[in-house]
Amino acid sequence: MKAKDFDKKFDEAQSILDDLDLSRTRRPEQELKRVNVDFPVWMIQSLEKEARRLGVPRQSIIKMWIAEKLEKTAS
């Protein structure tokens, strides 16, 4: 497919998913890497309480708080 045909299809809000090869897609700087962190029991209990209050997994709270802190220190 030529670029102009692809652009036209996109501009007309037609689905272009069948025209893309998504088998090798990636999100730069979004790859995951597992890390292990040991927390005191009281901290885990507080994290679990906050996670239940917000209705999200404990891991989400940890990621969100770390991201917020990193954004603040970056600016």
Protein backbone atom coordinates (compact mmCIF):
# COMPACT_ATOMS: atom_id res chain seq x y z
CA MET A 1 0.00 0.00 0.00
CA LYS A 2 1.27 3.44 -0.87
CA ALA A 3 1.70 6.03 1.86
CA LYS A 4 -0.93 8.33 0.35
CA ASP A 5 -3.47 5.47 0.37
CA PHE A 6 -2.58 4.64 3.96
CA ASP A 7 -2.92 8.31 4.98
CA LYS A 8 -6.26 8.60 3.22
CA LYS A 9 -7.58 5.50 4.95
CA PHE A 10 -6.41 6.86 8.31
CA ASP A 11 -7.86 10.33 7.66
CA GLU A 12 -11.21 8.78 6.78
CA ALA A 13 -11.21 6.98 10.16
CA GLN A 14 -11.01 3.57 8.54
CA SER A 15 -9.26 0.78 10.39
CA ILE A 16 -5.60 0.51 9.46
CA LEU A 17 -4.77 -2.34 11.84
CA ASP A 18 -4.87 -4.97 9.11
CA ASP A 19 -2.31 -2.93 7.17
CA LEU A 20 0.22 -2.85 10.01
CA ASP A 21 2.74 -5.47 11.12
CA LEU A 22 2.43 -5.32 14.89
CA SER A 23 4.51 -8.42 15.57
CA ARG A 24 7.65 -6.42 16.32
CA THR A 25 6.21 -3.38 18.04
CA ARG A 26 7.64 -2.12 21.29
CA ARG A 27 7.30 0.87 23.55
CA PRO A 28 10.66 2.62 23.91
CA GLU A 29 11.69 3.12 27.52
CA GLN A 30 8.59 1.24 28.63
CA GLU A 31 10.09 -2.25 28.72
CA LEU A 32 9.63 -3.89 32.09
CA LYS A 33 12.41 -5.10 34.33
CA ARG A 34 11.64 -6.95 37.52
CA VAL A 35 13.23 -5.77 40.74
CA ASN A 36 12.92 -7.13 44.25
CA VAL A 37 12.52 -4.77 47.16
CA ASP A 38 12.19 -5.77 50.80
CA PHE A 39 9.79 -3.67 52.87
CA PRO A 40 9.09 -3.80 56.61
CA VAL A 41 5.81 -5.49 57.51
CA TRP A 42 4.24 -2.23 58.71
CA MET A 43 4.93 -0.67 55.32
CA ILE A 44 3.34 -3.58 53.45
CA GLN A 45 0.29 -3.36 55.68
CA SER A 46 -0.03 0.37 54.98
CA LEU A 47 0.38 -0.20 51.25
CA GLU A 48 -2.27 -2.92 51.27
CA LYS A 49 -4.68 -0.69 53.21
CA GLU A 50 -4.22 2.17 50.73
CA ALA A 51 -4.54 -0.19 47.76
CA ARG A 52 -7.83 -1.56 49.13
CA ARG A 53 -9.10 1.98 49.72
CA LEU A 54 -8.35 2.92 46.11
CA GLY A 55 -9.41 -0.44 44.69
CA VAL A 56 -6.10 -1.08 42.93
CA PRO A 57 -3.32 -3.65 43.34
CA ARG A 58 -0.55 -2.89 45.83
CA GLN A 59 1.99 -2.85 43.00
CA SER A 60 0.07 -0.01 41.33
CA ILE A 61 0.37 2.14 44.45
CA ILE A 62 4.11 1.53 44.61
CA LYS A 63 4.61 2.35 40.92
CA MET A 64 2.44 5.47 41.12
CA TRP A 65 4.21 6.88 44.19
CA ILE A 66 7.67 6.20 42.78
CA ALA A 67 6.70 7.78 39.44
CA GLU A 68 5.35 10.87 41.22
CA LYS A 69 8.54 11.27 43.22
CA LEU A 70 10.73 10.82 40.14
CA GLU A 71 8.71 13.41 38.20
CA LYS A 72 9.09 15.91 41.03
CA THR A 73 12.84 15.43 41.26
CA ALA A 74 13.24 15.65 37.48
CA SER A 75 11.72 19.14 37.28
